[in-house]
Amino acid sequence: MTPALLAVALAAGPLDAATLTAAELGPNCKDGVEEVGSLHARVSFESGMQKPKAKATKNYDCGGTLGSAYLSEFATAKETELALALTGAELWGEGGPSVEHDDQIFFKGAQMVVLSGDAVEVLAKKYAAKGFMTYRGKAAAAAVGAPAGAVVDGDAPTRVAAAVDCKSASADPLRPWCAVTLIKNKGYAPPTKRGIALGISAPLGKGKDVREALLKQASVSVLGFNAGKLTVRDLKPENADEAKELAQVAAQVAVVLKSGAPAPIKVSKGLHGFLATIPDGATAEVKPSAKKAADFTLKNPAHVSVVTVGKVSVYVVVEDAVDGSWVNLFPFVPVAAQ
């Protein structure tokens, strides 16, 4: 989308202007009850890196064919442009809608609507008639000024620093990952008590685009520590509810890493109980190190440093692999059951 097109499209309006009225739905569609959006659409809506001023979910029933609309409103043109690009990347990758990934994105003014479900084509026509424009995809890197498809080789801090705008005033949605750029000459001291820290992880494959990896391959992980030993575990969802919760966890972790404010990360009672068992699996011995990362071994050789972001200590674990490296960031803040 060109700046001129975006400027024409952006005009402030209430979020309910993005909701289809009874007249706009017509005789064959009505408000529905069941949320039927794809997993990609739900996760993007819950954990989008560009936070909206307001958001809502609307469900529709068009003669027994169901669809869901995910409505968001943003504050500025830049925020809306970023949200469109990032959401498109999460839904479709580098392309646009396909047979396999047929969710659609519409926008008008400061509002963005993601349509998902079997009724997506019917709803798309109604949003087009309502004056919304369709968004078909654009490299997310270009939206924040980084060259799309750029590949920078080197160690993890160098690659992230080259791909992400890490200035303190940056609006880059990937800025939470900038903690890894701070590890030079930083040492490691083990936590004094048994416990865990929730974090985010992503692979930086050799010859792969860093921004694309951070946008599309990031996941939630947990660092467990016990008596000077560590473990890192990936948290993989087994159903849509777990995927939704982990998306919310990732969003909370990202906020802490970006703001440097020591806010607790809230999880369900079930996940909280599971996390309490993680330190039992801490078997990798790690010795303290004063001015450089402490080396240890997980599945691969790994290095852990402690950096400071705002008022938060962040454990940065970088794992070395034949095909690149894994970056794991764990802000040391409380994890609370809700």
Protein backbone atom coordinates (compact mmCIF):
# COMPACT_ATOMS: atom_id res chain seq x y z
CA MET A 1 0.00 0.00 0.00
CA THR A 2 1.41 3.40 -0.94
CA PRO A 3 1.49 6.28 1.58
CA ALA A 4 -0.94 8.20 -0.64
CA LEU A 5 -3.44 5.34 -0.62
CA LEU A 6 -3.10 4.97 3.11
CA ALA A 7 -3.61 8.69 3.68
CA VAL A 8 -6.82 8.60 1.66
CA ALA A 9 -8.02 5.52 3.50
CA LEU A 10 -7.32 6.72 7.03
CA ALA A 11 -10.13 8.66 8.64
CA ALA A 12 -11.04 8.22 12.28
CA GLY A 13 -14.34 6.59 13.14
CA PRO A 14 -15.92 4.56 15.93
CA LEU A 15 -15.28 0.82 16.05
CA ASP A 16 -18.96 0.05 15.57
CA ALA A 17 -18.62 1.51 12.07
CA ALA A 18 -16.76 -1.70 11.25
CA THR A 19 -19.72 -3.85 12.34
CA LEU A 20 -22.22 -5.02 9.74
CA THR A 21 -25.72 -3.73 10.50
CA ALA A 22 -28.87 -5.80 10.03
CA ALA A 23 -29.57 -3.96 6.78
CA GLU A 24 -26.04 -4.60 5.53
CA LEU A 25 -26.27 -8.28 6.47
CA GLY A 26 -29.42 -8.64 4.39
CA PRO A 27 -32.10 -11.31 4.64
CA ASN A 28 -29.75 -14.29 4.36
CA CYS A 29 -27.29 -13.40 7.15
CA LYS A 30 -27.68 -12.67 10.85
CA ASP A 31 -25.60 -12.35 13.99
CA GLY A 32 -24.16 -15.69 15.01
CA VAL A 33 -23.04 -17.28 18.27
CA GLU A 34 -20.15 -19.58 17.41
CA GLU A 35 -16.63 -18.27 16.80
CA VAL A 36 -15.26 -20.15 13.79
CA GLY A 37 -12.15 -18.18 12.86
CA SER A 38 -9.01 -20.05 11.85
CA LEU A 39 -6.25 -20.64 14.38
CA HIS A 40 -4.07 -18.13 12.50
CA ALA A 41 -6.79 -15.48 12.68
CA ARG A 42 -7.45 -16.03 16.38
CA VAL A 43 -3.79 -16.01 17.39
CA SER A 44 -3.10 -12.90 15.31
CA PHE A 45 -6.07 -11.13 16.89
CA GLU A 46 -5.07 -12.05 20.45
CA SER A 47 -1.34 -11.46 20.19
CA GLY A 48 -0.84 -8.91 17.41
CA MET A 49 2.35 -6.94 18.00
CA GLN A 50 0.61 -3.69 17.00
CA LYS A 51 -1.84 -3.06 19.84
CA PRO A 52 -5.16 -1.46 18.80
CA LYS A 53 -7.11 1.21 20.67
CA ALA A 54 -10.11 -1.10 20.62
CA LYS A 55 -11.02 -4.52 19.31
CA ALA A 56 -14.02 -6.86 19.14
CA THR A 57 -15.10 -10.17 17.66
CA LYS A 58 -18.35 -10.52 15.69
CA ASN A 59 -19.81 -13.84 14.57
CA TYR A 60 -22.22 -14.28 11.67
CA ASP A 61 -24.55 -16.99 10.38
CA CYS A 62 -25.35 -16.79 6.66
CA GLY A 63 -27.93 -19.48 6.00
CA GLY A 64 -26.05 -22.01 8.12
CA THR A 65 -22.64 -21.00 6.77
CA LEU A 66 -20.66 -19.45 9.61
CA GLY A 67 -18.03 -16.74 9.69
CA SER A 68 -16.19 -14.57 12.21
CA ALA A 69 -14.96 -10.99 11.90
CA TYR A 70 -12.08 -9.68 14.02
CA LEU A 71 -12.35 -5.89 14.32
CA SER A 72 -9.51 -3.58 15.36
CA GLU A 73 -9.09 0.19 15.47
CA PHE A 74 -5.68 1.91 15.64
CA ALA A 75 -4.57 5.39 16.65
CA THR A 76 -2.39 6.50 13.75
CA ALA A 77 -1.70 5.88 10.08
CA LYS A 78 1.64 4.27 10.88
CA GLU A 79 0.06 1.88 13.37
CA THR A 80 -2.62 0.84 10.89
CA GLU A 81 -0.08 0.30 8.13
CA LEU A 82 2.06 -1.83 10.42
CA ALA A 83 -0.95 -3.81 11.61
CA LEU A 84 -2.02 -4.59 8.03
CA ALA A 85 1.44 -5.78 7.03
CA LEU A 86 2.06 -7.81 10.17
CA THR A 87 -1.38 -9.42 10.15
CA GLY A 88 -1.01 -10.32 6.48
CA ALA A 89 2.34 -11.97 7.20
CA GLU A 90 0.82 -13.97 10.07
CA LEU A 91 -2.18 -15.11 8.05
CA TRP A 92 -0.60 -15.89 4.67
CA GLY A 93 3.19 -15.67 4.88
CA GLU A 94 4.68 -13.74 1.97
CA GLY A 95 1.71 -14.12 -0.36
CA GLY A 96 -1.96 -13.23 -0.15
CA PRO A 97 -5.08 -15.34 0.49
CA SER A 98 -4.96 -18.87 -0.91
CA VAL A 99 -7.11 -21.98 -0.97
CA GLU A 100 -5.28 -23.23 2.12
CA HIS A 101 -5.23 -19.87 3.94
CA ASP A 102 -8.35 -18.03 2.81
CA ASP A 103 -8.76 -15.48 5.60
CA GLN A 104 -9.21 -11.97 4.23
CA ILE A 105 -8.29 -8.50 5.52
CA PHE A 106 -10.31 -5.33 4.91
CA PHE A 107 -9.64 -1.79 6.12
CA LYS A 108 -11.33 1.59 6.16
CA GLY A 109 -10.15 4.61 8.05
CA ALA A 110 -8.34 3.51 11.19
CA GLN A 111 -10.21 0.20 11.24
CA MET A 112 -9.04 -3.24 10.18
CA VAL A 113 -11.26 -6.31 9.80
CA VAL A 114 -10.04 -9.90 9.47
CA LEU A 115 -12.66 -12.25 8.01
CA SER A 116 -12.44 -15.98 8.62
CA GLY A 117 -14.61 -19.09 8.38
CA ASP A 118 -16.71 -20.71 5.67
CA ALA A 119 -18.72 -17.50 5.13
CA VAL A 120 -15.62 -15.42 4.35
CA GLU A 121 -16.54 -14.80 0.69
CA VAL A 122 -20.10 -13.76 1.55
CA LEU A 123 -18.89 -11.41 4.28
CA ALA A 124 -16.13 -10.03 2.04
CA LYS A 125 -18.72 -8.85 -0.48
CA LYS A 126 -20.70 -7.14 2.27
CA TYR A 127 -17.62 -5.32 3.61
CA ALA A 128 -16.71 -4.24 0.08
CA ALA A 129 -20.24 -2.86 -0.34
CA LYS A 130 -19.79 -1.06 2.99
CA GLY A 131 -16.82 0.83 1.54
CA PHE A 132 -13.98 -1.21 3.03
CA MET A 133 -10.91 -1.87 0.88
CA THR A 134 -9.24 -5.25 0.69
CA TYR A 135 -5.62 -5.79 1.71
CA ARG A 136 -3.78 -8.51 -0.18
CA GLY A 137 -0.41 -8.62 1.49
CA LYS A 138 2.91 -6.86 1.66
CA ALA A 139 6.25 -7.73 3.19
CA ALA A 140 6.06 -6.70 6.84
CA ALA A 141 9.68 -5.60 6.81
CA ALA A 142 8.93 -2.91 4.24
CA ALA A 143 6.26 -1.43 6.49
CA VAL A 144 8.85 -0.42 9.09
CA GLY A 145 11.54 0.64 6.67
CA ALA A 146 13.70 -2.50 6.66
CA PRO A 147 14.54 -4.03 3.28
CA ALA A 148 12.19 -6.92 2.60
CA GLY A 149 13.96 -10.23 2.22
CA ALA A 150 17.26 -8.90 3.57
CA VAL A 151 19.49 -11.61 5.00
CA VAL A 152 22.32 -10.70 7.34
CA ASP A 153 24.79 -13.41 8.35
CA GLY A 154 26.79 -13.45 11.56
CA ASP A 155 26.04 -14.14 15.21
CA ALA A 156 22.57 -13.66 16.70
CA PRO A 157 23.15 -10.17 18.21
CA THR A 158 24.59 -8.87 14.93
CA ARG A 159 21.75 -10.28 12.85
CA VAL A 160 19.00 -8.95 15.12
CA ALA A 161 20.65 -5.52 15.35
CA ALA A 162 20.78 -5.33 11.55
CA ALA A 163 17.17 -6.41 11.07
CA VAL A 164 15.33 -4.63 13.90
CA ASP A 165 15.17 -0.94 14.79
CA CYS A 166 16.35 -1.07 18.41
CA LYS A 167 16.36 2.66 19.16
CA SER A 168 14.46 3.49 22.36
CA ALA A 169 11.88 5.56 20.48
CA SER A 170 11.41 2.94 17.77
CA ALA A 171 7.90 1.82 16.82
CA ASP A 172 9.25 -1.40 15.33
CA PRO A 173 6.93 -4.19 16.56
CA LEU A 174 9.95 -6.52 16.77
CA ARG A 175 11.77 -4.34 19.31
CA PRO A 176 11.15 -6.85 22.16
CA TRP A 177 13.85 -9.00 20.52
CA CYS A 178 16.46 -6.27 20.98
CA ALA A 179 17.49 -7.71 24.36
CA VAL A 180 19.75 -10.14 22.51
CA THR A 181 21.79 -7.24 21.14
CA LEU A 182 22.85 -6.30 24.70
CA ILE A 183 24.75 -9.47 25.63
CA LYS A 184 28.28 -8.30 24.78
CA ASN A 185 30.46 -8.38 27.94
CA LYS A 186 27.46 -9.45 30.02
CA GLY A 187 27.93 -12.32 32.45
CA TYR A 188 25.65 -14.74 34.24
CA ALA A 189 24.72 -15.29 37.87
CA PRO A 190 22.28 -18.11 38.66
CA PRO A 191 18.98 -17.35 40.40
CA THR A 192 19.16 -17.99 44.13
CA LYS A 193 15.88 -19.89 44.30
CA ARG A 194 14.18 -22.67 42.37
CA GLY A 195 11.76 -21.26 39.81
CA ILE A 196 10.87 -20.46 36.22
CA ALA A 197 10.74 -17.59 33.74
CA LEU A 198 8.45 -17.49 30.73
CA GLY A 199 9.86 -16.21 27.47
CA ILE A 200 9.82 -16.16 23.69
CA SER A 201 12.05 -18.09 21.29
CA ALA A 202 12.79 -18.04 17.57
CA PRO A 203 15.18 -19.80 15.17
CA LEU A 204 17.63 -17.71 13.15
CA GLY A 205 18.54 -20.09 10.35
CA LYS A 206 21.62 -19.46 8.24
CA GLY A 207 20.70 -17.59 5.08
CA LYS A 208 17.18 -16.91 6.37
CA ASP A 209 15.48 -13.55 6.77
CA VAL A 210 15.57 -12.54 10.43
CA ARG A 211 12.41 -10.42 10.42
CA GLU A 212 10.42 -13.19 8.79
CA ALA A 213 11.67 -15.68 11.38
CA LEU A 214 10.80 -13.42 14.31
CA LEU A 215 7.36 -12.68 12.87
CA LYS A 216 6.33 -16.15 11.75
CA GLN A 217 8.32 -18.68 13.80
CA ALA A 218 8.37 -17.22 17.31
CA SER A 219 7.04 -19.45 20.07
CA VAL A 220 6.66 -19.51 23.84
CA SER A 221 9.22 -21.27 26.00
CA VAL A 222 10.09 -21.59 29.67
CA LEU A 223 13.39 -21.43 31.53
CA GLY A 224 13.56 -23.65 34.59
CA PHE A 225 16.28 -23.32 37.20
CA ASN A 226 17.10 -25.37 40.28
CA ALA A 227 20.27 -25.54 42.38
CA GLY A 228 22.50 -23.95 39.76
CA LYS A 229 21.12 -26.04 36.90
CA LEU A 230 18.97 -24.93 33.95
CA THR A 231 16.57 -26.30 31.39
CA VAL A 232 14.75 -24.69 28.46
CA ARG A 233 11.42 -26.16 27.35
CA ASP A 234 9.26 -25.26 24.37
CA LEU A 235 5.55 -24.90 25.12
CA LYS A 236 3.56 -26.37 22.23
CA PRO A 237 -0.24 -25.99 22.07
CA GLU A 238 -2.31 -29.13 21.57
CA ASN A 239 -5.60 -27.41 20.76
CA ALA A 240 -7.10 -24.03 19.89
CA ASP A 241 -7.63 -23.01 23.53
CA GLU A 242 -3.99 -23.68 24.38
CA ALA A 243 -2.87 -21.81 21.27
CA LYS A 244 -4.97 -18.83 22.35
CA GLU A 245 -3.50 -18.84 25.86
CA LEU A 246 0.08 -19.13 24.61
CA ALA A 247 -0.56 -16.26 22.21
CA GLN A 248 -1.67 -14.17 25.18
CA VAL A 249 1.44 -15.22 27.10
CA ALA A 250 3.67 -14.24 24.16
CA ALA A 251 1.99 -10.84 24.00
CA GLN A 252 2.57 -10.25 27.73
CA VAL A 253 6.23 -11.28 27.46
CA ALA A 254 6.68 -8.94 24.49
CA VAL A 255 5.20 -6.02 26.44
CA VAL A 256 7.62 -6.61 29.34
CA LEU A 257 10.60 -6.87 26.99
CA LYS A 258 9.59 -3.71 25.14
CA SER A 259 8.65 -1.56 28.13
CA GLY A 260 11.14 -2.80 30.72
CA ALA A 261 8.38 -2.65 33.34
CA PRO A 262 8.31 -5.66 35.72
CA ALA A 263 4.65 -6.60 35.24
CA PRO A 264 3.67 -10.17 36.20
CA ILE A 265 2.76 -12.58 33.42
CA LYS A 266 -0.70 -14.02 33.99
CA VAL A 267 -1.53 -17.61 33.05
CA SER A 268 -4.33 -20.07 33.71
CA LYS A 269 -4.26 -22.19 36.87
CA GLY A 270 -3.69 -25.29 34.75
CA LEU A 271 -0.64 -23.86 32.99
CA HIS A 272 0.64 -22.42 36.26
CA GLY A 273 0.55 -25.87 37.84
CA PHE A 274 2.41 -27.39 34.91
CA LEU A 275 5.08 -24.69 34.96
CA ALA A 276 5.78 -25.44 38.63
CA THR A 277 7.12 -28.87 37.60
CA ILE A 278 9.61 -27.53 35.02
CA PRO A 279 12.51 -26.96 37.48
CA ASP A 280 12.48 -30.71 38.21
CA GLY A 281 13.96 -31.18 34.74
CA ALA A 282 16.81 -28.70 35.22
CA THR A 283 19.88 -30.88 34.62
CA ALA A 284 22.30 -28.65 32.68
CA GLU A 285 24.99 -27.37 35.03
CA VAL A 286 25.93 -23.72 34.49
CA LYS A 287 28.76 -21.98 36.30
CA PRO A 288 28.62 -18.25 37.06
CA SER A 289 30.53 -16.00 34.69
CA ALA A 290 31.56 -12.38 35.36
CA LYS A 291 31.97 -10.62 32.00
CA LYS A 292 30.92 -13.09 29.35
CA ALA A 293 28.15 -15.55 28.69
CA ALA A 294 28.20 -18.81 30.63
CA ASP A 295 28.49 -21.89 28.42
CA PHE A 296 26.43 -25.03 28.91
CA THR A 297 24.75 -27.73 26.83
CA LEU A 298 21.10 -28.36 26.02
CA LYS A 299 20.39 -30.32 22.83
CA ASN A 300 23.10 -28.09 21.36
CA PRO A 301 25.87 -25.95 22.83
CA ALA A 302 24.30 -22.90 24.48
CA HIS A 303 25.26 -19.67 26.21
CA VAL A 304 23.34 -17.68 28.82
CA SER A 305 23.76 -14.02 29.76
CA VAL A 306 21.79 -11.65 31.96
CA VAL A 307 20.99 -8.20 30.55
CA THR A 308 18.87 -5.36 31.87
CA VAL A 309 15.93 -3.85 29.99
CA GLY A 310 14.46 -0.95 31.93
CA LYS A 311 13.84 -2.36 35.39
CA VAL A 312 13.79 -6.01 34.29
CA SER A 313 16.58 -8.58 34.27
CA VAL A 314 16.38 -10.71 31.13
CA TYR A 315 18.00 -14.12 30.73
CA VAL A 316 19.21 -14.44 27.15
CA VAL A 317 19.92 -17.99 26.00
CA VAL A 318 21.47 -18.47 22.55
CA GLU A 319 21.72 -22.05 21.28
CA ASP A 320 24.19 -22.90 18.51
CA ALA A 321 23.12 -25.32 15.77
CA VAL A 322 24.57 -26.50 12.49
CA ASP A 323 21.98 -24.53 10.52
CA GLY A 324 22.00 -21.34 12.60
CA SER A 325 21.01 -20.45 16.15
CA TRP A 326 18.04 -20.23 18.50
CA VAL A 327 17.38 -17.06 20.47
CA ASN A 328 15.47 -17.36 23.76
CA LEU A 329 14.54 -14.31 25.87
CA PHE A 330 13.24 -14.77 29.42
CA PRO A 331 12.29 -11.64 31.42
CA PHE A 332 12.67 -12.45 35.11
CA VAL A 333 9.24 -11.37 36.35
CA PRO A 334 6.60 -13.20 38.42
CA VAL A 335 4.23 -15.67 36.78
CA ALA A 336 0.79 -15.48 38.38
CA ALA A 337 -2.23 -17.78 38.14
CA GLN A 338 -5.54 -16.16 37.29
